[in-house]
C-alpha atoms as a PDB file:
ATOM      1  CA  MET A   1     -17.020  -6.897   5.139  1.00  0.00           C
ATOM      2  CA  ASN A   2     -18.558  -9.614   3.172  1.00  0.00           C
ATOM      3  CA  ASN A   3     -17.442 -11.821   0.048  1.00  0.00           C
ATOM      4  CA  GLU A   4     -19.156  -9.971  -2.080  1.00  0.00           C
ATOM      5  CA  GLN A   5     -17.216  -6.670  -1.164  1.00  0.00           C
ATOM      6  CA  MET A   6     -13.875  -8.599  -1.768  1.00  0.00           C
ATOM      7  CA  VAL A   7     -12.361  -8.642  -5.554  1.00  0.00           C
ATOM      8  CA  ILE A   8      -9.567 -10.870  -4.112  1.00  0.00           C
ATOM      9  CA  GLN A   9      -8.773 -13.514  -1.711  1.00  0.00           C
ATOM     10  CA  THR A  10      -7.023 -16.561  -1.614  1.00  0.00           C
ATOM     11  CA  GLU A  11      -7.004 -19.280   0.554  1.00  0.00           C
ATOM     12  CA  GLY A  12      -3.612 -21.094   1.185  1.00  0.00           C
ATOM     13  CA  LEU A  13      -2.173 -20.003  -2.273  1.00  0.00           C
ATOM     14  CA  SER A  14       1.139 -21.943  -2.674  1.00  0.00           C
ATOM     15  CA  LYS A  15       4.058 -22.077  -5.735  1.00  0.00           C
ATOM     16  CA  GLN A  16       6.882 -24.286  -5.667  1.00  0.00           C
ATOM     17  CA  TYR A  17      10.037 -23.998  -8.774  1.00  0.00           C
ATOM     18  CA  LYS A  18      11.844 -27.459  -8.389  1.00  0.00           C
ATOM     19  CA  GLY A  19      11.373 -28.069  -4.409  1.00  0.00           C
ATOM     20  CA  VAL A  20      11.641 -24.281  -3.161  1.00  0.00           C
ATOM     21  CA  ASN A  21       8.651 -22.627  -2.057  1.00  0.00           C
ATOM     22  CA  ALA A  22       8.590 -18.903  -4.149  1.00  0.00           C
ATOM     23  CA  LEU A  23       4.990 -18.740  -2.517  1.00  0.00           C
ATOM     24  CA  GLN A  24       3.264 -20.162   0.977  1.00  0.00           C
ATOM     25  CA  GLY A  25       0.378 -20.546   2.025  1.00  0.00           C
ATOM     26  CA  LEU A  26      -0.810 -17.463   1.207  1.00  0.00           C
ATOM     27  CA  ASN A  27      -4.260 -15.855   2.522  1.00  0.00           C
ATOM     28  CA  LEU A  28      -4.785 -12.178   1.300  1.00  0.00           C
ATOM     29  CA  GLN A  29      -8.444  -9.855   1.289  1.00  0.00           C
ATOM     30  CA  VAL A  30      -8.601  -7.235  -1.090  1.00  0.00           C
ATOM     31  CA  ALA A  31     -12.088  -5.270  -0.563  1.00  0.00           C
ATOM     32  CA  GLN A  32     -13.314  -3.072  -3.441  1.00  0.00           C
ATOM     33  CA  HIS A  33     -12.195   0.364  -4.037  1.00  0.00           C
ATOM     34  CA  SER A  34      -9.141   0.175  -1.383  1.00  0.00           C
ATOM     35  CA  ILE A  35      -5.511   1.160  -2.359  1.00  0.00           C
ATOM     36  CA  PHE A  36      -3.832  -2.067  -1.213  1.00  0.00           C
ATOM     37  CA  GLY A  37       0.163  -2.571  -0.976  1.00  0.00           C
ATOM     38  CA  PHE A  38       2.079  -5.443  -1.377  1.00  0.00           C
ATOM     39  CA  LEU A  39       5.067  -4.918   0.430  1.00  0.00           C
ATOM     40  CA  GLY A  40       8.067  -7.091   0.784  1.00  0.00           C
ATOM     41  CA  PRO A  41      11.533  -6.927   0.183  1.00  0.00           C
ATOM     42  CA  ASN A  42      13.057  -7.779  -3.447  1.00  0.00           C
ATOM     43  CA  GLY A  43      12.536 -11.793  -4.066  1.00  0.00           C
ATOM     44  CA  ALA A  44       9.965 -12.198  -1.014  1.00  0.00           C
ATOM     45  CA  GLY A  45       7.522 -13.429  -3.808  1.00  0.00           C
ATOM     46  CA  LYS A  46       5.667 -10.567  -5.320  1.00  0.00           C
ATOM     47  CA  SER A  47       5.673 -11.024  -8.471  1.00  0.00           C
ATOM     48  CA  THR A  48       5.007 -14.725  -7.895  1.00  0.00           C
ATOM     49  CA  ALA A  49       1.863 -14.154  -6.499  1.00  0.00           C
ATOM     50  CA  ILE A  50       1.032 -11.359  -9.039  1.00  0.00           C
ATOM     51  CA  LYS A  51       1.291 -13.619 -11.979  1.00  0.00           C
ATOM     52  CA  LEU A  52      -1.036 -16.661  -9.678  1.00  0.00           C
ATOM     53  CA  LEU A  53      -3.753 -14.176  -9.713  1.00  0.00           C
ATOM     54  CA  LEU A  54      -3.458 -13.269 -13.146  1.00  0.00           C
ATOM     55  CA  GLY A  55      -3.725 -17.222 -13.965  1.00  0.00           C
ATOM     56  CA  LEU A  56      -0.071 -16.530 -15.796  1.00  0.00           C
ATOM     57  CA  ILE A  57       1.213 -19.514 -13.999  1.00  0.00           C
ATOM     58  CA  ARG A  58      -0.705 -22.341 -11.995  1.00  0.00           C
ATOM     59  CA  PRO A  59      -0.634 -22.804  -8.062  1.00  0.00           C
ATOM     60  CA  THR A  60       0.855 -26.160  -6.464  1.00  0.00           C
ATOM     61  CA  GLY A  61      -1.594 -25.586  -3.368  1.00  0.00           C
ATOM     62  CA  GLY A  62      -4.465 -23.326  -2.662  1.00  0.00           C
ATOM     63  CA  ARG A  63      -6.607 -20.791  -4.568  1.00  0.00           C
ATOM     64  CA  ALA A  64      -7.010 -17.517  -5.587  1.00  0.00           C
ATOM     65  CA  ALA A  65     -10.513 -15.989  -6.093  1.00  0.00           C
ATOM     66  CA  VAL A  66     -10.118 -12.681  -8.412  1.00  0.00           C
ATOM     67  CA  PHE A  67     -14.126 -10.968  -8.708  1.00  0.00           C
ATOM     68  CA  GLY A  68     -15.194 -14.847  -7.283  1.00  0.00           C
ATOM     69  CA  LEU A  69     -13.849 -15.988 -10.267  1.00  0.00           C
ATOM     70  CA  ASP A  70     -11.394 -19.191  -9.912  1.00  0.00           C
ATOM     71  CA  SER A  71      -7.709 -17.142 -11.395  1.00  0.00           C
ATOM     72  CA  ALA A  72      -6.611 -20.633 -12.693  1.00  0.00           C
ATOM     73  CA  ARG A  73      -9.986 -21.828 -14.243  1.00  0.00           C
ATOM     74  CA  ASP A  74     -11.470 -18.233 -15.349  1.00  0.00           C
ATOM     75  CA  SER A  75      -7.939 -17.015 -15.901  1.00  0.00           C
ATOM     76  CA  VAL A  76      -9.387 -14.639 -19.818  1.00  0.00           C
ATOM     77  CA  ALA A  77     -12.241 -13.967 -17.794  1.00  0.00           C
ATOM     78  CA  ILE A  78     -10.509 -12.286 -15.322  1.00  0.00           C
ATOM     79  CA  ARG A  79      -8.190 -10.731 -17.509  1.00  0.00           C
ATOM     80  CA  GLN A  80     -10.851  -8.897 -19.158  1.00  0.00           C
ATOM     81  CA  ARG A  81     -11.415  -6.601 -15.853  1.00  0.00           C
ATOM     82  CA  VAL A  82      -7.544  -5.946 -14.934  1.00  0.00           C
ATOM     83  CA  GLY A  83      -5.468  -3.607 -16.225  1.00  0.00           C
ATOM     84  CA  TYR A  84      -2.226  -4.469 -15.097  1.00  0.00           C
ATOM     85  CA  LEU A  85       1.216  -2.368 -15.335  1.00  0.00           C
ATOM     86  CA  ALA A  86       4.269  -4.352 -15.433  1.00  0.00           C
ATOM     87  CA  GLN A  87       7.091  -2.718 -13.325  1.00  0.00           C
ATOM     88  CA  ASP A  88       9.346  -1.470 -16.530  1.00  0.00           C
ATOM     89  CA  PRO A  89       7.024  -1.329 -19.105  1.00  0.00           C
ATOM     90  CA  ARG A  90       8.076  -1.002 -22.382  1.00  0.00           C
ATOM     91  CA  TYR A  91       7.024   1.253 -25.888  1.00  0.00           C
ATOM     92  CA  TYR A  92       7.089   2.609 -29.418  1.00  0.00           C
ATOM     93  CA  GLN A  93       9.874   5.115 -28.882  1.00  0.00           C
ATOM     94  CA  HIS A  94       8.949   7.286 -31.525  1.00  0.00           C
ATOM     95  CA  MET A  95       4.907   7.047 -30.761  1.00  0.00           C
ATOM     96  CA  THR A  96       3.501   9.976 -29.351  1.00  0.00           C
ATOM     97  CA  ALA A  97       1.471   9.301 -25.977  1.00  0.00           C
ATOM     98  CA  ARG A  98      -1.496   9.838 -27.924  1.00  0.00           C
ATOM     99  CA  GLU A  99      -0.350   7.017 -30.218  1.00  0.00           C
ATOM    100  CA  THR A 100       0.313   4.774 -27.625  1.00  0.00           C
ATOM    101  CA  MET A 101      -3.180   5.005 -26.059  1.00  0.00           C
ATOM    102  CA  ARG A 102      -5.057   4.325 -29.639  1.00  0.00           C
ATOM    103  CA  PHE A 103      -2.647   1.478 -29.610  1.00  0.00           C
ATOM    104  CA  ALA A 104      -3.740   0.015 -26.689  1.00  0.00           C
ATOM    105  CA  ALA A 105      -7.839   1.300 -26.929  1.00  0.00           C
ATOM    106  CA  ARG A 106      -7.929  -0.934 -30.110  1.00  0.00           C
ATOM    107  CA  PHE A 107      -7.608  -4.102 -28.191  1.00  0.00           C
ATOM    108  CA  PHE A 108     -10.892  -2.957 -26.201  1.00  0.00           C
ATOM    109  CA  TYR A 109     -13.206  -0.882 -28.388  1.00  0.00           C
ATOM    110  CA  SER A 110     -14.342  -1.273 -31.825  1.00  0.00           C
ATOM    111  CA  GLY A 111     -16.519   1.914 -31.319  1.00  0.00           C
ATOM    112  CA  PRO A 112     -16.884   5.040 -32.806  1.00  0.00           C
ATOM    113  CA  LYS A 113     -13.584   7.046 -33.124  1.00  0.00           C
ATOM    114  CA  ALA A 114     -14.724   9.958 -31.522  1.00  0.00           C
ATOM    115  CA  ALA A 115     -16.212   7.905 -28.564  1.00  0.00           C
ATOM    116  CA  ILE A 116     -12.565   6.238 -28.482  1.00  0.00           C
ATOM    117  CA  GLU A 117     -11.383   9.628 -28.818  1.00  0.00           C
ATOM    118  CA  ALA A 118     -12.547  10.932 -26.109  1.00  0.00           C
ATOM    119  CA  ARG A 119     -11.661   8.227 -23.420  1.00  0.00           C
ATOM    120  CA  ILE A 120      -8.239   8.187 -24.401  1.00  0.00           C
ATOM    121  CA  GLU A 121      -8.255  12.024 -24.028  1.00  0.00           C
ATOM    122  CA  GLU A 122     -10.424  11.826 -20.552  1.00  0.00           C
ATOM    123  CA  THR A 123      -7.475   9.540 -19.192  1.00  0.00           C
ATOM    124  CA  LEU A 124      -4.258  11.230 -20.278  1.00  0.00           C
ATOM    125  CA  ALA A 125      -5.824  13.738 -18.132  1.00  0.00           C
ATOM    126  CA  LEU A 126      -6.611  11.372 -15.228  1.00  0.00           C
ATOM    127  CA  VAL A 127      -2.726  10.835 -15.656  1.00  0.00           C
ATOM    128  CA  GLY A 128      -1.831  14.229 -15.788  1.00  0.00           C
ATOM    129  CA  LEU A 129      -0.424  13.740 -19.189  1.00  0.00           C
ATOM    130  CA  GLU A 130      -3.057  16.019 -21.458  1.00  0.00           C
ATOM    131  CA  ASP A 131      -0.473  18.420 -22.132  1.00  0.00           C
ATOM    132  CA  LYS A 132       2.074  16.220 -23.180  1.00  0.00           C
ATOM    133  CA  ALA A 133      -0.323  13.949 -25.372  1.00  0.00           C
ATOM    134  CA  ASP A 134       1.524  15.015 -28.810  1.00  0.00           C
ATOM    135  CA  ARG A 135       4.942  14.248 -27.694  1.00  0.00           C
ATOM    136  CA  PRO A 136       7.164  11.391 -28.866  1.00  0.00           C
ATOM    137  CA  ILE A 137       8.132   9.398 -25.794  1.00  0.00           C
ATOM    138  CA  LYS A 138      11.331   8.876 -26.292  1.00  0.00           C
ATOM    139  CA  GLY A 139      11.744  12.520 -24.379  1.00  0.00           C
ATOM    140  CA  PHE A 140       9.411  11.109 -21.348  1.00  0.00           C
ATOM    141  CA  SER A 141      10.538  11.026 -18.330  1.00  0.00           C
ATOM    142  CA  GLY A 142      10.928   7.689 -16.104  1.00  0.00           C
ATOM    143  CA  GLY A 143       7.701   9.005 -13.944  1.00  0.00           C
ATOM    144  CA  GLU A 144       5.730  10.167 -17.123  1.00  0.00           C
ATOM    145  CA  ARG A 145       6.415   6.572 -18.425  1.00  0.00           C
ATOM    146  CA  GLN A 146       4.938   5.187 -15.530  1.00  0.00           C
ATOM    147  CA  ARG A 147       1.609   7.540 -15.961  1.00  0.00           C
ATOM    148  CA  LEU A 148       1.218   6.960 -19.515  1.00  0.00           C
ATOM    149  CA  GLY A 149       1.877   3.219 -18.189  1.00  0.00           C
ATOM    150  CA  ILE A 150      -0.967   3.686 -15.632  1.00  0.00           C
ATOM    151  CA  ALA A 151      -3.246   5.453 -18.143  1.00  0.00           C
ATOM    152  CA  GLN A 152      -2.961   2.061 -20.272  1.00  0.00           C
ATOM    153  CA  ALA A 153      -3.693  -0.519 -17.631  1.00  0.00           C
ATOM    154  CA  GLN A 154      -6.637   1.929 -17.131  1.00  0.00           C
ATOM    155  CA  VAL A 155      -8.176   2.213 -20.202  1.00  0.00           C
ATOM    156  CA  ASN A 156     -10.536  -0.095 -20.547  1.00  0.00           C
ATOM    157  CA  TYR A 157     -12.446   1.002 -16.950  1.00  0.00           C
ATOM    158  CA  PRO A 158     -11.083  -2.122 -15.323  1.00  0.00           C
ATOM    159  CA  ASP A 159     -12.388  -3.203 -11.893  1.00  0.00           C
ATOM    160  CA  LEU A 160      -8.726  -4.005 -11.171  1.00  0.00           C
ATOM    161  CA  LEU A 161      -5.481  -2.792 -11.045  1.00  0.00           C
ATOM    162  CA  ILE A 162      -2.430  -4.356 -10.717  1.00  0.00           C
ATOM    163  CA  LEU A 163       1.084  -2.834 -10.359  1.00  0.00           C
ATOM    164  CA  ASP A 164       4.194  -4.104 -10.048  1.00  0.00           C
ATOM    165  CA  GLU A 165       6.270  -1.594  -8.306  1.00  0.00           C
ATOM    166  CA  PRO A 166       5.201   1.395  -9.491  1.00  0.00           C
ATOM    167  CA  ALA A 167       7.696   3.775  -8.367  1.00  0.00           C
ATOM    168  CA  ALA A 168      10.492   1.970  -7.997  1.00  0.00           C
ATOM    169  CA  ALA A 169      13.002   3.335 -10.070  1.00  0.00           C
ATOM    170  CA  LEU A 170      11.319   7.282  -9.990  1.00  0.00           C
ATOM    171  CA  ASP A 171      12.924  10.150  -8.467  1.00  0.00           C
ATOM    172  CA  PRO A 172      11.237  11.710  -5.539  1.00  0.00           C
ATOM    173  CA  MET A 173       9.481  13.962  -8.023  1.00  0.00           C
ATOM    174  CA  GLY A 174       8.369  11.177 -10.759  1.00  0.00           C
ATOM    175  CA  ARG A 175       7.323   8.979  -6.844  1.00  0.00           C
ATOM    176  CA  ARG A 176       4.906  11.467  -5.928  1.00  0.00           C
ATOM    177  CA  ASP A 177       2.940  12.087  -9.577  1.00  0.00           C
ATOM    178  CA  VAL A 178       2.247   8.195  -9.874  1.00  0.00           C
ATOM    179  CA  LEU A 179       1.262   8.372  -5.866  1.00  0.00           C
ATOM    180  CA  GLU A 180      -1.072  11.350  -6.456  1.00  0.00           C
ATOM    181  CA  VAL A 181      -2.542   9.328 -10.006  1.00  0.00           C
ATOM    182  CA  MET A 182      -3.163   6.368  -7.479  1.00  0.00           C
ATOM    183  CA  ASP A 183      -4.913   8.733  -5.127  1.00  0.00           C
ATOM    184  CA  ARG A 184      -6.970  10.277  -7.828  1.00  0.00           C
ATOM    185  CA  LEU A 185      -8.174   6.601  -9.421  1.00  0.00           C
ATOM    186  CA  ARG A 186      -9.141   5.137  -6.389  1.00  0.00           C
ATOM    187  CA  LYS A 187     -12.522   6.202  -7.077  1.00  0.00           C
ATOM    188  CA  HIS A 188     -12.489   4.301 -10.265  1.00  0.00           C
ATOM    189  CA  THR A 189     -11.388   0.987  -9.434  1.00  0.00           C
ATOM    190  CA  THR A 190      -9.520  -1.103  -6.682  1.00  0.00           C
ATOM    191  CA  ILE A 191      -5.180  -0.687  -6.652  1.00  0.00           C
ATOM    192  CA  PHE A 192      -3.262  -3.711  -6.005  1.00  0.00           C
ATOM    193  CA  TYR A 193       0.227  -2.440  -5.943  1.00  0.00           C
ATOM    194  CA  SER A 194       3.679  -4.406  -5.256  1.00  0.00           C
ATOM    195  CA  THR A 195       6.709  -2.438  -3.621  1.00  0.00           C
ATOM    196  CA  HIS A 196       9.582  -2.437  -1.586  1.00  0.00           C
ATOM    197  CA  ILE A 197       9.406   1.113  -0.610  1.00  0.00           C
ATOM    198  CA  LEU A 198       8.140   1.529   2.613  1.00  0.00           C
ATOM    199  CA  ASP A 199       6.917   5.633   2.415  1.00  0.00           C
ATOM    200  CA  ASP A 200       4.907   5.316  -0.625  1.00  0.00           C
ATOM    201  CA  VAL A 201       2.470   2.527   1.603  1.00  0.00           C
ATOM    202  CA  GLN A 202       2.783   4.424   4.188  1.00  0.00           C
ATOM    203  CA  ARG A 203       1.157   7.999   2.310  1.00  0.00           C
ATOM    204  CA  VAL A 204      -1.487   5.927  -0.102  1.00  0.00           C
ATOM    205  CA  SER A 205      -2.520   2.425   1.609  1.00  0.00           C
ATOM    206  CA  ASP A 206      -6.139   1.920   2.483  1.00  0.00           C
ATOM    207  CA  SER A 207      -4.247  -1.424   3.709  1.00  0.00           C
ATOM    208  CA  VAL A 208      -1.017  -3.484   3.519  1.00  0.00           C
ATOM    209  CA  ALA A 209       0.147  -7.117   3.621  1.00  0.00           C
ATOM    210  CA  ILE A 210       4.092  -7.957   4.422  1.00  0.00           C
ATOM    211  CA  LEU A 211       5.646 -10.338   2.949  1.00  0.00           C
ATOM    212  CA  ASN A 212       9.059 -12.526   3.678  1.00  0.00           C
ATOM    213  CA  ARG A 213      10.750 -15.222   2.234  1.00  0.00           C
ATOM    214  CA  GLY A 214       7.324 -16.081   0.467  1.00  0.00           C
ATOM    215  CA  GLN A 215       5.357 -16.165   3.782  1.00  0.00           C
ATOM    216  CA  LEU A 216       2.854 -13.221   4.952  1.00  0.00           C
ATOM    217  CA  VAL A 217       4.247 -12.240   7.798  1.00  0.00           C
ATOM    218  CA  ALA A 218       0.874  -9.442   8.451  1.00  0.00           C
ATOM    219  CA  GLN A 219      -2.426  -8.029   6.449  1.00  0.00           C
ATOM    220  CA  ALA A 220      -4.146  -5.067   8.612  1.00  0.00           C
ATOM    221  CA  PRO A 221      -5.183  -1.371   7.545  1.00  0.00           C
ATOM    222  CA  ILE A 222      -2.333   0.914   7.339  1.00  0.00           C
ATOM    223  CA  GLU A 223      -3.771   2.697  10.824  1.00  0.00           C
ATOM    224  CA  GLN A 224      -4.252  -0.232  12.404  1.00  0.00           C
ATOM    225  CA  LEU A 225      -0.642  -1.758  11.611  1.00  0.00           C
ATOM    226  CA  LEU A 226       1.206   2.036  12.396  1.00  0.00           C
ATOM    227  CA  ALA A 227      -0.458   1.723  15.960  1.00  0.00           C
ATOM    228  CA  GLY A 228       1.687  -0.586  16.858  1.00  0.00           C
ATOM    229  CA  GLY A 229       1.508  -4.585  17.415  1.00  0.00           C
ATOM    230  CA  SER A 230       2.092  -4.556  21.274  1.00  0.00           C
ATOM    231  CA  GLY A 231      -0.797  -3.297  22.623  1.00  0.00           C
ATOM    232  CA  MET A 232      -1.877   0.483  23.352  1.00  0.00           C
ATOM    233  CA  ALA A 233       1.073   3.098  24.092  1.00  0.00           C
ATOM    234  CA  TYR A 234       0.789   7.020  24.212  1.00  0.00           C
ATOM    235  CA  THR A 235       3.383   9.548  23.982  1.00  0.00           C
ATOM    236  CA  LEU A 236       3.724  12.399  26.287  1.00  0.00           C
ATOM    237  CA  THR A 237       6.481  15.574  25.960  1.00  0.00           C
ATOM    238  CA  VAL A 238       7.073  17.466  28.731  1.00  0.00           C
ATOM    239  CA  ARG A 239       9.250  20.448  28.976  1.00  0.00           C
ATOM    240  CA  GLY A 240      12.381  20.290  31.482  1.00  0.00           C
ATOM    241  CA  ASP A 241      12.657  16.878  33.006  1.00  0.00           C
ATOM    242  CA  GLY A 242      10.262  13.896  33.194  1.00  0.00           C
ATOM    243  CA  GLN A 243      10.918  12.939  36.342  1.00  0.00           C
ATOM    244  CA  PRO A 244       7.953  14.233  37.801  1.00  0.00           C
ATOM    245  CA  ALA A 245       5.395  12.838  34.915  1.00  0.00           C
ATOM    246  CA  GLN A 246       6.806   9.683  35.654  1.00  0.00           C
ATOM    247  CA  GLN A 247       6.321   9.823  39.517  1.00  0.00           C
ATOM    248  CA  ALA A 248       2.545  10.651  38.521  1.00  0.00           C
ATOM    249  CA  LEU A 249       2.248   7.698  36.383  1.00  0.00           C
ATOM    250  CA  GLN A 250       3.231   4.932  38.928  1.00  0.00           C
ATOM    251  CA  GLY A 251       1.049   2.735  40.365  1.00  0.00           C
ATOM    252  CA  GLN A 252      -1.789   2.803  37.696  1.00  0.00           C
ATOM    253  CA  PRO A 253      -2.715  -0.265  37.190  1.00  0.00           C
ATOM    254  CA  TRP A 254      -3.895   0.001  33.427  1.00  0.00           C
ATOM    255  CA  ILE A 255      -0.698   1.422  32.764  1.00  0.00           C
ATOM    256  CA  THR A 256       2.003  -1.723  32.259  1.00  0.00           C
ATOM    257  CA  ALA A 257       5.214   0.676  31.268  1.00  0.00           C
ATOM    258  CA  VAL A 258       6.743   4.117  31.040  1.00  0.00           C
ATOM    259  CA  SER A 259       9.846   5.046  28.839  1.00  0.00           C
ATOM    260  CA  SER A 260      11.215   8.223  28.802  1.00  0.00           C
ATOM    261  CA  GLN A 261      13.759   9.854  25.921  1.00  0.00           C
ATOM    262  CA  PRO A 262      15.834  13.708  26.769  1.00  0.00           C
ATOM    263  CA  ASN A 263      16.045  15.648  24.107  1.00  0.00           C
ATOM    264  CA  HIS A 264      17.316  18.907  25.320  1.00  0.00           C
ATOM    265  CA  SER A 265      14.728  20.748  26.871  1.00  0.00           C
ATOM    266  CA  HIS A 266      12.211  18.157  26.698  1.00  0.00           C
ATOM    267  CA  THR A 267      11.060  14.942  27.517  1.00  0.00           C
ATOM    268  CA  THR A 268       8.764  12.249  25.105  1.00  0.00           C
ATOM    269  CA  LEU A 269       7.665   9.549  27.664  1.00  0.00           C
ATOM    270  CA  GLN A 270       6.431   6.686  26.096  1.00  0.00           C
ATOM    271  CA  ILE A 271       3.285   5.261  28.143  1.00  0.00           C
ATOM    272  CA  ASN A 272       2.404   1.730  27.206  1.00  0.00           C
ATOM    273  CA  VAL A 273      -1.157   0.773  28.976  1.00  0.00           C
ATOM    274  CA  SER A 274      -4.335  -1.949  28.880  1.00  0.00           C
ATOM    275  CA  ASP A 275      -7.363   0.029  29.088  1.00  0.00           C
ATOM    276  CA  GLU A 276      -7.506   2.781  25.987  1.00  0.00           C
ATOM    277  CA  ALA A 277     -10.410   4.992  28.038  1.00  0.00           C
ATOM    278  CA  LEU A 278      -8.716   5.402  30.724  1.00  0.00           C
ATOM    279  CA  ALA A 279      -6.075   6.482  28.897  1.00  0.00           C
ATOM    280  CA  GLU A 280      -7.741   9.233  27.048  1.00  0.00           C
ATOM    281  CA  THR A 281     -10.013  10.266  30.022  1.00  0.00           C
ATOM    282  CA  GLU A 282      -7.054   9.985  32.642  1.00  0.00           C
ATOM    283  CA  LEU A 283      -3.694  10.275  31.457  1.00  0.00           C
ATOM    284  CA  LEU A 284      -3.243  13.958  31.058  1.00  0.00           C
ATOM    285  CA  ARG A 285      -5.013  15.345  34.135  1.00  0.00           C
ATOM    286  CA  LEU A 286      -2.642  12.883  36.354  1.00  0.00           C
ATOM    287  CA  VAL A 287       0.741  14.605  34.649  1.00  0.00           C
ATOM    288  CA  LEU A 288      -0.996  18.079  35.094  1.00  0.00           C
ATOM    289  CA  ALA A 289      -1.531  17.646  38.557  1.00  0.00           C
ATOM    290  CA  ASP A 290       1.186  18.657  39.224  1.00  0.00           C
ATOM    291  CA  LYS A 291       0.730  22.585  38.334  1.00  0.00           C
ATOM    292  CA  GLN A 292       5.301  23.058  37.383  1.00  0.00           C
ATOM    293  CA  THR A 293       4.514  20.512  34.362  1.00  0.00           C
ATOM    294  CA  ALA A 294       4.256  22.116  31.156  1.00  0.00           C
ATOM    295  CA  VAL A 295       2.982  19.277  28.353  1.00  0.00           C
ATOM    296  CA  THR A 296       3.260  20.161  24.839  1.00  0.00           C
ATOM    297  CA  ALA A 297       2.477  17.188  22.978  1.00  0.00           C
ATOM    298  CA  PHE A 298       0.014  14.583  23.715  1.00  0.00           C
ATOM    299  CA  GLY A 299      -1.104  11.424  21.458  1.00  0.00           C
ATOM    300  CA  ARG A 300      -1.230   7.431  20.400  1.00  0.00           C
ATOM    301  CA  ARG A 301       1.826   6.016  19.363  1.00  0.00           C
ATOM    302  CA  LYS A 302       2.109   6.060  15.848  1.00  0.00           C
ATOM    303  CA  TYR A 303       4.941   3.943  14.511  1.00  0.00           C
ATOM    304  CA  ASN A 304       7.029   4.034  11.093  1.00  0.00           C
ATOM    305  CA  LEU A 305       6.264   2.102   8.633  1.00  0.00           C
ATOM    306  CA  GLU A 306       9.923   1.236   8.573  1.00  0.00           C
ATOM    307  CA  GLU A 307       9.963   0.071  11.898  1.00  0.00           C
ATOM    308  CA  ILE A 308       6.758  -2.098  11.956  1.00  0.00           C
ATOM    309  CA  PHE A 309       8.442  -3.637   8.797  1.00  0.00           C
ATOM    310  CA  LEU A 310      11.694  -4.493  10.142  1.00  0.00           C
ATOM    311  CA  GLN A 311      10.625  -6.111  13.237  1.00  0.00           C
ATOM    312  CA  MET A 312       8.360  -8.447  11.304  1.00  0.00           C
ATOM    313  CA  VAL A 313      11.188  -9.464   8.698  1.00  0.00           C
ATOM    314  CA  ASP A 314      13.736  -9.474  10.840  1.00  0.00           C
ATOM    315  CA  GLY A 315      11.713 -11.413  13.342  1.00  0.00           C
ATOM    316  CA  GLY A 316      11.647 -14.017  10.621  1.00  0.00           C
ATOM    317  CA  ASN A 317      14.798 -14.591   9.867  1.00  0.00           C
END
């Protein structure tokens, strides 16, 4: 992917506060029309990175470019094309969602009233609040408030949405609704969002970066990250004892390790390989050569993001 397709690029981006490194040498690449999860524990430096991208603070080292513009020098031009949702958005409680959207739209539009109203209606529908448009915000749930915040951030057709912990304080239903809105928005814009909720990242992200103690410890497409970083591996589940299957795989030069985990009436083998093509064509054949063996599941090993995250974060301690 060439640089013109990158919405965000940072090179060695760093920020110090009174000698303390809040962010160190951050190198990020965020592609157009992607949902990019910026993952890390609280205090990892995520909010500092967002402030640097928006030009709200200046770096002590390196640089950040958004739309090819320098975040420190061209911050006003960048912010004109960005929608932003703070972690805890605040509203005038007596106002309705529609009135709140009119207030936000006034900062961007001065055209015909009918066109502005149509845009407000369209945006409220996009976040699933069209049926609550004329209710006071004081009665909104946490998820509805977050979706209204996304609507405000989206009202000016931004080229980039930056969402700071958009689902952090929500119950499961509220989180689901916010993630569904983010997924719907991917065709309209690029979404860069920070979070410490691993399940959210796994559900909606195209790519993810993991930050820990101000340092980038991983950046990859989500599928690549979930495939694991310690070589290719497959899982194979057989009925009964896995010993015959293990014996069938012994001595193959492209199999680097085999481990087994019994589970009631089945055994699951994890098979690490050095040759993916051979694994795809030969693994099952080798095991099924024994006519007494019944395979109930087979596929590429998928890691849970929590495993990957804890491995990387704990590994940095």
